[in-house]
Amino acid sequence: IAGFGLAVTSPILALAALATKLEDRGPVLYRQTRVGKDGRDFEVLKLRSMVVGAESKGAGLAVNVGDARITRVGRLLRRTSIDELPQLFNVLRGDMSFVGPRPERPEFVEQLSKSLPYYRSRHAVKPGITGWAQLCYPYGSSEKDALEKLQYDLYYVKNRSLLFDHLTLSLAASKRRSSHGGLLFLDLDNFKPLNDTDLAGEDAAKMQKLLDAIDMLDDVQ
């Protein structure tokens, strides 16, 4: 599936890579160490959306919409989540899955595992391009946010199945389509929580059916 996804999105990926290169002649890809399944480190791939050396100008800082470190091209890539497309290579290599807890940096994992019980239990499965926590909880970088997202991640770990993955991807696509006029890219790290006003008409009915199916998952546990 990841290979098919790369084939389908390769023209978009090529154009985005060219635009990134032309803007400031810097590297196209951004690589960062993240923690994967069983606590093993791997390099997550993204299209670079920030200026070269951005971390030295604010390492560990949460990125907001008006962050001066984001390039002009990068702003568009982030808004459409095109910058996340190289993670399909991570899926192809076996580092990641389409659905799962979002991978964190080793230093954050070390810090959060000391203060949040069972935090390392997230690593029982492969990290995902998108996840249940990203659908159900807004973006946040505080320890309280991490605790809230951990609960959703552990719910996924306990109940994961092909059906649950399908439901998560369907909801993610519906959410993205309703917000951006037909684009099907997944909003990975900055999902707003779903609410009754996000979707309308057929999408709202579809979402309700999916949520009802999720309730059925609980019933069969």
C-alpha atoms as a PDB file:
ATOM      1  CA  ILE A   1       0.000   0.000   0.000  1.00  0.00           C
ATOM      2  CA  ALA A   2       2.833   2.396   0.851  1.00  0.00           C
ATOM      3  CA  GLY A   3       4.444   1.710  -2.530  1.00  0.00           C
ATOM      4  CA  PHE A   4       1.164   2.463  -4.296  1.00  0.00           C
ATOM      5  CA  GLY A   5       0.819   5.650  -2.262  1.00  0.00           C
ATOM      6  CA  LEU A   6       4.307   6.756  -3.292  1.00  0.00           C
ATOM      7  CA  ALA A   7       3.528   6.049  -6.941  1.00  0.00           C
ATOM      8  CA  VAL A   8       0.302   8.048  -6.816  1.00  0.00           C
ATOM      9  CA  THR A   9       1.786  11.003  -4.922  1.00  0.00           C
ATOM     10  CA  SER A  10       5.176  11.050  -6.692  1.00  0.00           C
ATOM     11  CA  PRO A  11       4.275  14.006  -8.979  1.00  0.00           C
ATOM     12  CA  ILE A  12       3.199  16.072  -5.948  1.00  0.00           C
ATOM     13  CA  LEU A  13       6.286  14.980  -4.028  1.00  0.00           C
ATOM     14  CA  ALA A  14       8.567  15.891  -6.944  1.00  0.00           C
ATOM     15  CA  LEU A  15       7.049  19.364  -7.358  1.00  0.00           C
ATOM     16  CA  ALA A  16       7.185  20.011  -3.613  1.00  0.00           C
ATOM     17  CA  ALA A  17      10.820  18.888  -3.476  1.00  0.00           C
ATOM     18  CA  LEU A  18      11.708  21.180  -6.387  1.00  0.00           C
ATOM     19  CA  ALA A  19       9.959  24.163  -4.768  1.00  0.00           C
ATOM     20  CA  THR A  20      11.748  23.473  -1.471  1.00  0.00           C
ATOM     21  CA  LYS A  21      15.126  23.330  -3.218  1.00  0.00           C
ATOM     22  CA  LEU A  22      14.557  26.453  -5.297  1.00  0.00           C
ATOM     23  CA  GLU A  23      13.496  28.610  -2.359  1.00  0.00           C
ATOM     24  CA  ASP A  24      16.794  28.607  -0.465  1.00  0.00           C
ATOM     25  CA  ARG A  25      18.995  25.925  -2.099  1.00  0.00           C
ATOM     26  CA  GLY A  26      18.994  23.950   1.164  1.00  0.00           C
ATOM     27  CA  PRO A  27      18.399  20.200   1.569  1.00  0.00           C
ATOM     28  CA  VAL A  28      15.026  18.875   0.461  1.00  0.00           C
ATOM     29  CA  LEU A  29      14.562  16.258   3.162  1.00  0.00           C
ATOM     30  CA  TYR A  30      14.554  16.754   6.905  1.00  0.00           C
ATOM     31  CA  ARG A  31      15.608  13.781   9.014  1.00  0.00           C
ATOM     32  CA  GLN A  32      15.006  13.494  12.720  1.00  0.00           C
ATOM     33  CA  THR A  33      15.537  10.641  15.166  1.00  0.00           C
ATOM     34  CA  ARG A  34      12.328   9.298  16.662  1.00  0.00           C
ATOM     35  CA  VAL A  35      11.499   6.333  18.887  1.00  0.00           C
ATOM     36  CA  GLY A  36       9.710   3.443  17.205  1.00  0.00           C
ATOM     37  CA  LYS A  37       8.412   0.002  18.058  1.00  0.00           C
ATOM     38  CA  ASP A  38      10.077  -1.684  21.040  1.00  0.00           C
ATOM     39  CA  GLY A  39      11.905   1.559  21.824  1.00  0.00           C
ATOM     40  CA  ARG A  40      14.177   1.369  18.777  1.00  0.00           C
ATOM     41  CA  ASP A  41      15.325   4.649  17.237  1.00  0.00           C
ATOM     42  CA  PHE A  42      14.796   5.397  13.555  1.00  0.00           C
ATOM     43  CA  GLU A  43      15.008   8.412  11.262  1.00  0.00           C
ATOM     44  CA  VAL A  44      11.664   9.906  10.316  1.00  0.00           C
ATOM     45  CA  LEU A  45      11.597  11.648   6.931  1.00  0.00           C
ATOM     46  CA  LYS A  46       9.836  14.873   6.027  1.00  0.00           C
ATOM     47  CA  LEU A  47      10.104  17.508   3.349  1.00  0.00           C
ATOM     48  CA  ARG A  48      11.973  20.388   4.961  1.00  0.00           C
ATOM     49  CA  SER A  49       9.501  23.149   5.824  1.00  0.00           C
ATOM     50  CA  MET A  50      11.744  25.333   7.991  1.00  0.00           C
ATOM     51  CA  VAL A  51      14.924  27.302   7.391  1.00  0.00           C
ATOM     52  CA  VAL A  52      18.234  25.439   7.509  1.00  0.00           C
ATOM     53  CA  GLY A  53      19.452  25.251  11.100  1.00  0.00           C
ATOM     54  CA  ALA A  54      15.975  25.961  12.506  1.00  0.00           C
ATOM     55  CA  GLU A  55      16.588  23.845  15.616  1.00  0.00           C
ATOM     56  CA  SER A  56      19.600  25.943  16.593  1.00  0.00           C
ATOM     57  CA  LYS A  57      17.262  28.949  16.546  1.00  0.00           C
ATOM     58  CA  GLY A  58      14.716  27.302  18.816  1.00  0.00           C
ATOM     59  CA  ALA A  59      15.374  23.663  19.581  1.00  0.00           C
ATOM     60  CA  GLY A  60      12.502  21.893  21.282  1.00  0.00           C
ATOM     61  CA  LEU A  61      10.095  24.784  20.796  1.00  0.00           C
ATOM     62  CA  ALA A  62       6.568  24.022  19.650  1.00  0.00           C
ATOM     63  CA  VAL A  63       5.955  25.218  16.101  1.00  0.00           C
ATOM     64  CA  ASN A  64       3.027  27.578  15.633  1.00  0.00           C
ATOM     65  CA  VAL A  65       1.413  29.025  12.524  1.00  0.00           C
ATOM     66  CA  GLY A  66       3.323  32.296  12.662  1.00  0.00           C
ATOM     67  CA  ASP A  67       6.736  30.763  13.410  1.00  0.00           C
ATOM     68  CA  ALA A  68       9.374  32.833  11.577  1.00  0.00           C
ATOM     69  CA  ARG A  69      11.470  29.695  11.021  1.00  0.00           C
ATOM     70  CA  ILE A  70       8.901  28.302   8.554  1.00  0.00           C
ATOM     71  CA  THR A  71       9.718  29.033   4.906  1.00  0.00           C
ATOM     72  CA  ARG A  72       7.157  30.326   2.416  1.00  0.00           C
ATOM     73  CA  VAL A  73       7.023  26.977   0.638  1.00  0.00           C
ATOM     74  CA  GLY A  74       7.058  25.223   3.994  1.00  0.00           C
ATOM     75  CA  ARG A  75       3.956  27.089   5.092  1.00  0.00           C
ATOM     76  CA  LEU A  76       2.022  25.604   2.171  1.00  0.00           C
ATOM     77  CA  LEU A  77       3.523  22.160   2.713  1.00  0.00           C
ATOM     78  CA  ARG A  78       2.492  22.188   6.358  1.00  0.00           C
ATOM     79  CA  ARG A  79      -1.004  23.467   5.643  1.00  0.00           C
ATOM     80  CA  THR A  80      -1.632  20.628   3.183  1.00  0.00           C
ATOM     81  CA  SER A  81       0.533  18.076   5.070  1.00  0.00           C
ATOM     82  CA  ILE A  82       2.508  17.425   1.881  1.00  0.00           C
ATOM     83  CA  ASP A  83       5.645  17.713   4.025  1.00  0.00           C
ATOM     84  CA  GLU A  84       4.670  14.397   5.637  1.00  0.00           C
ATOM     85  CA  LEU A  85       4.524  12.390   2.383  1.00  0.00           C
ATOM     86  CA  PRO A  86       8.129  11.095   2.662  1.00  0.00           C
ATOM     87  CA  GLN A  87       6.973   9.134   5.704  1.00  0.00           C
ATOM     88  CA  LEU A  88       5.556   6.675   3.173  1.00  0.00           C
ATOM     89  CA  PHE A  89       9.204   5.618   2.760  1.00  0.00           C
ATOM     90  CA  ASN A  90       9.276   4.970   6.519  1.00  0.00           C
ATOM     91  CA  VAL A  91       6.212   2.753   6.122  1.00  0.00           C
ATOM     92  CA  LEU A  92       7.833   0.980   3.171  1.00  0.00           C
ATOM     93  CA  ARG A  93      10.991   0.358   5.229  1.00  0.00           C
ATOM     94  CA  GLY A  94       8.966  -1.030   8.126  1.00  0.00           C
ATOM     95  CA  ASP A  95       9.740   1.783  10.581  1.00  0.00           C
ATOM     96  CA  MET A  96       6.165   3.059  10.678  1.00  0.00           C
ATOM     97  CA  SER A  97       2.578   2.129   9.927  1.00  0.00           C
ATOM     98  CA  PHE A  98      -0.243   4.212   8.503  1.00  0.00           C
ATOM     99  CA  VAL A  99      -1.989   4.284  11.888  1.00  0.00           C
ATOM    100  CA  GLY A 100      -0.406   4.258  15.316  1.00  0.00           C
ATOM    101  CA  PRO A 101       0.902   6.535  18.062  1.00  0.00           C
ATOM    102  CA  ARG A 102       2.894   9.425  16.606  1.00  0.00           C
ATOM    103  CA  PRO A 103       6.648   8.867  17.151  1.00  0.00           C
ATOM    104  CA  GLU A 104       8.423  11.230  19.554  1.00  0.00           C
ATOM    105  CA  ARG A 105      12.036  12.320  19.893  1.00  0.00           C
ATOM    106  CA  PRO A 106      14.185  10.222  22.275  1.00  0.00           C
ATOM    107  CA  GLU A 107      14.744  13.098  24.707  1.00  0.00           C
ATOM    108  CA  PHE A 108      11.008  13.692  24.997  1.00  0.00           C
ATOM    109  CA  VAL A 109      10.346   9.975  25.497  1.00  0.00           C
ATOM    110  CA  GLU A 110      12.957   9.857  28.249  1.00  0.00           C
ATOM    111  CA  GLN A 111      11.419  12.868  29.993  1.00  0.00           C
ATOM    112  CA  LEU A 112       7.781  11.822  29.658  1.00  0.00           C
ATOM    113  CA  SER A 113       8.384   8.196  30.641  1.00  0.00           C
ATOM    114  CA  LYS A 114       9.660   9.395  34.021  1.00  0.00           C
ATOM    115  CA  SER A 115       6.517  11.381  34.785  1.00  0.00           C
ATOM    116  CA  LEU A 116       3.783   9.432  32.950  1.00  0.00           C
ATOM    117  CA  PRO A 117       3.171   5.798  33.932  1.00  0.00           C
ATOM    118  CA  TYR A 118       2.956   3.358  31.007  1.00  0.00           C
ATOM    119  CA  TYR A 119       4.255   5.943  28.524  1.00  0.00           C
ATOM    120  CA  ARG A 120       6.621   3.426  26.971  1.00  0.00           C
ATOM    121  CA  SER A 121       3.653   1.108  26.347  1.00  0.00           C
ATOM    122  CA  ARG A 122       3.026   3.222  23.237  1.00  0.00           C
ATOM    123  CA  HIS A 123       6.024   1.457  21.744  1.00  0.00           C
ATOM    124  CA  ALA A 124       4.279  -1.930  21.729  1.00  0.00           C
ATOM    125  CA  VAL A 125       3.178  -1.132  18.156  1.00  0.00           C
ATOM    126  CA  LYS A 126       4.734   0.680  15.221  1.00  0.00           C
ATOM    127  CA  PRO A 127       4.295   4.462  15.240  1.00  0.00           C
ATOM    128  CA  GLY A 128       1.864   5.837  12.683  1.00  0.00           C
ATOM    129  CA  ILE A 129       1.620   8.562  10.080  1.00  0.00           C
ATOM    130  CA  THR A 130      -1.589   9.466  11.859  1.00  0.00           C
ATOM    131  CA  GLY A 131      -3.215   8.136  15.001  1.00  0.00           C
ATOM    132  CA  TRP A 132      -6.275   7.976  17.217  1.00  0.00           C
ATOM    133  CA  ALA A 133      -4.854  10.600  19.569  1.00  0.00           C
ATOM    134  CA  GLN A 134      -4.405  13.054  16.680  1.00  0.00           C
ATOM    135  CA  LEU A 135      -8.063  12.621  15.745  1.00  0.00           C
ATOM    136  CA  CYS A 136      -9.428  12.926  19.254  1.00  0.00           C
ATOM    137  CA  TYR A 137      -7.225  15.578  20.851  1.00  0.00           C
ATOM    138  CA  PRO A 138      -5.957  18.961  19.612  1.00  0.00           C
ATOM    139  CA  TYR A 139      -2.275  19.711  19.141  1.00  0.00           C
ATOM    140  CA  GLY A 140      -0.452  20.460  22.376  1.00  0.00           C
ATOM    141  CA  SER A 141       3.083  20.240  23.739  1.00  0.00           C
ATOM    142  CA  SER A 142       2.581  20.337  27.518  1.00  0.00           C
ATOM    143  CA  GLU A 143       2.866  17.370  29.875  1.00  0.00           C
ATOM    144  CA  LYS A 144      -0.885  17.564  30.465  1.00  0.00           C
ATOM    145  CA  ASP A 145      -1.423  17.280  26.692  1.00  0.00           C
ATOM    146  CA  ALA A 146       0.939  14.309  26.601  1.00  0.00           C
ATOM    147  CA  LEU A 147      -1.072  12.586  29.346  1.00  0.00           C
ATOM    148  CA  GLU A 148      -4.345  13.128  27.494  1.00  0.00           C
ATOM    149  CA  LYS A 149      -2.913  11.846  24.214  1.00  0.00           C
ATOM    150  CA  LEU A 150      -1.351   8.876  26.003  1.00  0.00           C
ATOM    151  CA  GLN A 151      -4.806   7.694  27.025  1.00  0.00           C
ATOM    152  CA  TYR A 152      -5.947   7.671  23.393  1.00  0.00           C
ATOM    153  CA  ASP A 153      -2.718   5.973  22.290  1.00  0.00           C
ATOM    154  CA  LEU A 154      -3.105   3.220  24.882  1.00  0.00           C
ATOM    155  CA  TYR A 155      -6.746   2.766  23.847  1.00  0.00           C
ATOM    156  CA  TYR A 156      -5.506   2.207  20.291  1.00  0.00           C
ATOM    157  CA  VAL A 157      -2.774  -0.209  21.410  1.00  0.00           C
ATOM    158  CA  LYS A 158      -5.334  -2.256  23.337  1.00  0.00           C
ATOM    159  CA  ASN A 159      -8.013  -2.265  20.631  1.00  0.00           C
ATOM    160  CA  ARG A 160      -6.011  -2.090  17.416  1.00  0.00           C
ATOM    161  CA  SER A 161      -7.312  -4.034  14.451  1.00  0.00           C
ATOM    162  CA  LEU A 162      -7.692  -3.633  10.696  1.00  0.00           C
ATOM    163  CA  LEU A 163     -11.194  -2.306  11.299  1.00  0.00           C
ATOM    164  CA  PHE A 164      -9.966   0.284  13.801  1.00  0.00           C
ATOM    165  CA  ASP A 165      -7.219   1.375  11.374  1.00  0.00           C
ATOM    166  CA  HIS A 166      -9.778   1.727   8.597  1.00  0.00           C
ATOM    167  CA  LEU A 167     -12.047   3.778  10.822  1.00  0.00           C
ATOM    168  CA  THR A 168      -9.188   6.050  11.857  1.00  0.00           C
ATOM    169  CA  LEU A 169      -8.054   6.655   8.273  1.00  0.00           C
ATOM    170  CA  SER A 170     -11.632   7.239   7.112  1.00  0.00           C
ATOM    171  CA  LEU A 171     -12.257   9.796   9.842  1.00  0.00           C
ATOM    172  CA  ALA A 172      -8.931  11.478   9.122  1.00  0.00           C
ATOM    173  CA  ALA A 173      -9.728  11.737   5.412  1.00  0.00           C
ATOM    174  CA  SER A 174     -13.249  13.049   6.118  1.00  0.00           C
ATOM    175  CA  LYS A 175     -11.868  15.635   8.516  1.00  0.00           C
ATOM    176  CA  ARG A 176      -9.230  16.735   6.032  1.00  0.00           C
ATOM    177  CA  ARG A 177     -11.685  16.858   3.129  1.00  0.00           C
ATOM    178  CA  SER A 178     -14.188  18.987   5.043  1.00  0.00           C
ATOM    179  CA  SER A 179     -11.483  21.491   6.019  1.00  0.00           C
ATOM    180  CA  HIS A 180      -9.640  21.829   2.721  1.00  0.00           C
ATOM    181  CA  GLY A 181     -12.131  21.459  -0.100  1.00  0.00           C
ATOM    182  CA  GLY A 182     -11.414  17.943  -1.273  1.00  0.00           C
ATOM    183  CA  LEU A 183      -7.757  17.424  -0.320  1.00  0.00           C
ATOM    184  CA  LEU A 184      -7.237  13.982   1.159  1.00  0.00           C
ATOM    185  CA  PHE A 185      -3.878  14.571   2.859  1.00  0.00           C
ATOM    186  CA  LEU A 186      -3.932  13.663   6.521  1.00  0.00           C
ATOM    187  CA  ASP A 187      -3.382  16.464   9.033  1.00  0.00           C
ATOM    188  CA  LEU A 188      -0.817  14.674  11.124  1.00  0.00           C
ATOM    189  CA  ASP A 189       0.415  16.645  14.077  1.00  0.00           C
ATOM    190  CA  ASN A 190      -2.041  19.522  14.180  1.00  0.00           C
ATOM    191  CA  PHE A 191      -5.456  17.851  14.031  1.00  0.00           C
ATOM    192  CA  LYS A 192      -8.237  19.759  15.729  1.00  0.00           C
ATOM    193  CA  PRO A 193     -10.691  17.524  17.584  1.00  0.00           C
ATOM    194  CA  LEU A 194     -13.730  16.358  15.672  1.00  0.00           C
ATOM    195  CA  ASN A 195     -16.973  18.037  16.602  1.00  0.00           C
ATOM    196  CA  ASP A 196     -20.510  18.252  15.296  1.00  0.00           C
ATOM    197  CA  THR A 197     -19.794  21.315  13.124  1.00  0.00           C
ATOM    198  CA  ASP A 198     -16.740  19.883  11.356  1.00  0.00           C
ATOM    199  CA  LEU A 199     -18.711  17.703   8.954  1.00  0.00           C
ATOM    200  CA  ALA A 200     -22.064  18.109   7.293  1.00  0.00           C
ATOM    201  CA  GLY A 201     -24.498  16.085   5.181  1.00  0.00           C
ATOM    202  CA  GLU A 202     -23.197  12.736   3.968  1.00  0.00           C
ATOM    203  CA  ASP A 203     -19.873  13.179   5.772  1.00  0.00           C
ATOM    204  CA  ALA A 204     -21.643  13.725   9.091  1.00  0.00           C
ATOM    205  CA  ALA A 205     -23.745  10.596   8.574  1.00  0.00           C
ATOM    206  CA  LYS A 206     -20.653   8.614   7.598  1.00  0.00           C
ATOM    207  CA  MET A 207     -18.765   9.825  10.646  1.00  0.00           C
ATOM    208  CA  GLN A 208     -21.634   8.805  12.924  1.00  0.00           C
ATOM    209  CA  LYS A 209     -21.652   5.309  11.422  1.00  0.00           C
ATOM    210  CA  LEU A 210     -17.921   5.046  12.001  1.00  0.00           C
ATOM    211  CA  LEU A 211     -18.235   6.204  15.591  1.00  0.00           C
ATOM    212  CA  ASP A 212     -21.035   3.682  16.144  1.00  0.00           C
ATOM    213  CA  ALA A 213     -18.723   0.985  14.810  1.00  0.00           C
ATOM    214  CA  ILE A 214     -16.028   2.078  17.254  1.00  0.00           C
ATOM    215  CA  ASP A 215     -18.548   1.687  20.077  1.00  0.00           C
ATOM    216  CA  MET A 216     -19.108  -1.853  18.828  1.00  0.00           C
ATOM    217  CA  LEU A 217     -15.375  -2.498  19.212  1.00  0.00           C
ATOM    218  CA  ASP A 218     -15.714  -1.718  22.904  1.00  0.00           C
ATOM    219  CA  ASP A 219     -18.655  -4.103  23.193  1.00  0.00           C
ATOM    220  CA  VAL A 220     -16.715  -7.054  21.844  1.00  0.00           C
ATOM    221  CA  GLN A 221     -13.658  -6.575  24.072  1.00  0.00           C
END
